[in-house]
C-alpha atoms as a PDB file:
ATOM      1  CA  MET A   1       0.901  -2.849   1.701  1.00  0.00           C
ATOM      2  CA  SER A   2      -1.248  -5.704   0.517  1.00  0.00           C
ATOM      3  CA  PHE A   3      -3.655  -8.291   1.827  1.00  0.00           C
ATOM      4  CA  ASP A   4      -1.381 -11.046   0.506  1.00  0.00           C
ATOM      5  CA  THR A   5       0.509 -13.410   2.780  1.00  0.00           C
ATOM      6  CA  PRO A   6       4.198 -12.926   3.566  1.00  0.00           C
ATOM      7  CA  SER A   7       5.147 -15.786   1.223  1.00  0.00           C
ATOM      8  CA  GLU A   8       3.046 -14.332  -1.623  1.00  0.00           C
ATOM      9  CA  ASN A   9       4.599 -10.885  -1.125  1.00  0.00           C
ATOM     10  CA  ARG A  10       8.098 -12.379  -0.968  1.00  0.00           C
ATOM     11  CA  ALA A  11       7.534 -14.208  -4.276  1.00  0.00           C
ATOM     12  CA  PHE A  12       6.191 -11.002  -5.875  1.00  0.00           C
ATOM     13  CA  ALA A  13       9.165  -8.972  -4.610  1.00  0.00           C
ATOM     14  CA  ASP A  14      11.599 -11.632  -5.852  1.00  0.00           C
ATOM     15  CA  LYS A  15       9.922 -11.761  -9.262  1.00  0.00           C
ATOM     16  CA  PHE A  16      10.285  -7.998  -9.744  1.00  0.00           C
ATOM     17  CA  HIS A  17      13.695  -7.751  -8.000  1.00  0.00           C
ATOM     18  CA  PHE A  18      12.571  -5.363  -5.259  1.00  0.00           C
ATOM     19  CA  ASN A  19      15.351  -4.482  -2.821  1.00  0.00           C
ATOM     20  CA  PHE A  20      12.900  -3.956   0.040  1.00  0.00           C
ATOM     21  CA  PRO A  21      10.277  -6.096   1.781  1.00  0.00           C
ATOM     22  CA  LEU A  22       6.574  -5.624   1.099  1.00  0.00           C
ATOM     23  CA  LEU A  23       4.254  -5.096   4.047  1.00  0.00           C
ATOM     24  CA  CYS A  24       1.411  -7.520   4.671  1.00  0.00           C
ATOM     25  CA  ASP A  25      -2.015  -6.696   6.073  1.00  0.00           C
ATOM     26  CA  THR A  26      -3.536 -10.170   6.171  1.00  0.00           C
ATOM     27  CA  GLU A  27      -6.038  -9.132   8.847  1.00  0.00           C
ATOM     28  CA  HIS A  28      -7.086  -6.117   6.687  1.00  0.00           C
ATOM     29  CA  ASN A  29      -6.863  -3.794   9.700  1.00  0.00           C
ATOM     30  CA  MET A  30      -4.698  -1.160   8.034  1.00  0.00           C
ATOM     31  CA  GLY A  31      -6.671  -1.423   4.791  1.00  0.00           C
ATOM     32  CA  PHE A  32      -9.869  -0.630   6.674  1.00  0.00           C
ATOM     33  CA  ALA A  33      -8.255   2.142   8.736  1.00  0.00           C
ATOM     34  CA  TYR A  34      -6.825   3.950   5.695  1.00  0.00           C
ATOM     35  CA  GLY A  35      -9.877   3.487   3.477  1.00  0.00           C
ATOM     36  CA  ALA A  36      -8.342   1.006   1.038  1.00  0.00           C
ATOM     37  CA  ALA A  37     -11.140  -1.435   1.784  1.00  0.00           C
ATOM     38  CA  ALA A  38     -14.674  -1.209   3.081  1.00  0.00           C
ATOM     39  CA  SER A  39     -15.902  -3.435   5.871  1.00  0.00           C
ATOM     40  CA  GLY A  40     -16.145  -7.109   5.049  1.00  0.00           C
ATOM     41  CA  ALA A  41     -13.385  -9.262   3.670  1.00  0.00           C
ATOM     42  CA  PRO A  42     -12.418  -8.065   0.185  1.00  0.00           C
ATOM     43  CA  GLN A  43      -9.820 -10.131  -1.614  1.00  0.00           C
ATOM     44  CA  HIS A  44      -7.804  -7.088  -2.711  1.00  0.00           C
ATOM     45  CA  ALA A  45      -7.411  -3.570  -1.401  1.00  0.00           C
ATOM     46  CA  GLN A  46      -7.979  -0.580  -3.651  1.00  0.00           C
ATOM     47  CA  ARG A  47      -4.835   1.197  -4.808  1.00  0.00           C
ATOM     48  CA  ILE A  48      -4.799   4.333  -2.690  1.00  0.00           C
ATOM     49  CA  GLY A  49      -1.922   6.698  -1.954  1.00  0.00           C
ATOM     50  CA  VAL A  50      -1.011   7.760   1.565  1.00  0.00           C
ATOM     51  CA  VAL A  51       1.934   9.950   2.532  1.00  0.00           C
ATOM     52  CA  ILE A  52       2.736   9.914   6.238  1.00  0.00           C
ATOM     53  CA  GLY A  53       5.014  12.616   7.647  1.00  0.00           C
ATOM     54  CA  PRO A  54       7.826  12.107  10.155  1.00  0.00           C
ATOM     55  CA  ASP A  55       5.408  13.136  12.902  1.00  0.00           C
ATOM     56  CA  GLY A  56       3.085  10.246  12.010  1.00  0.00           C
ATOM     57  CA  ARG A  57       0.370  12.482  10.559  1.00  0.00           C
ATOM     58  CA  ILE A  58      -1.190  11.868   7.173  1.00  0.00           C
ATOM     59  CA  ARG A  59       0.078  14.517   4.747  1.00  0.00           C
ATOM     60  CA  GLU A  60      -1.721  13.255   1.649  1.00  0.00           C
ATOM     61  CA  TRP A  61      -4.461  10.740   0.963  1.00  0.00           C
ATOM     62  CA  LEU A  62      -5.535   9.951  -2.590  1.00  0.00           C
ATOM     63  CA  PRO A  63      -8.498   7.632  -3.247  1.00  0.00           C
ATOM     64  CA  ARG A  64      -7.009   6.150  -6.435  1.00  0.00           C
ATOM     65  CA  VAL A  65      -3.451   5.969  -7.711  1.00  0.00           C
ATOM     66  CA  ASP A  66      -1.650   4.277 -10.573  1.00  0.00           C
ATOM     67  CA  ALA A  67       0.813   1.884  -8.957  1.00  0.00           C
ATOM     68  CA  LYS A  68       3.208   2.289 -11.877  1.00  0.00           C
ATOM     69  CA  THR A  69       3.492   6.084 -11.636  1.00  0.00           C
ATOM     70  CA  TYR A  70       2.538   7.002  -8.071  1.00  0.00           C
ATOM     71  CA  PRO A  71       5.965   6.466  -6.454  1.00  0.00           C
ATOM     72  CA  GLN A  72       7.653   8.863  -8.900  1.00  0.00           C
ATOM     73  CA  ASP A  73       4.735  11.313  -8.770  1.00  0.00           C
ATOM     74  CA  VAL A  74       4.846  11.575  -4.991  1.00  0.00           C
ATOM     75  CA  LEU A  75       8.645  11.875  -4.925  1.00  0.00           C
ATOM     76  CA  LYS A  76       8.428  14.851  -7.290  1.00  0.00           C
ATOM     77  CA  ARG A  77       5.988  16.577  -4.919  1.00  0.00           C
ATOM     78  CA  LEU A  78       8.133  15.914  -1.866  1.00  0.00           C
END
């Protein structure tokens, strides 16, 4: 999830050959709700980690994650 526009996220995904779309939060609503950004209009969200279970409940929330290692780290724990 990022605050970037759909076209910016599409270009980023194409550049790195992602086989999935990136989610956009251009209104910053989800960023505020999950604590990735404080009130106001920050340019970028903080890199947080959130694992949401099948029931829609938050199972894990980490205030800082390394975007390069977090996906593998969380998959190991699951």
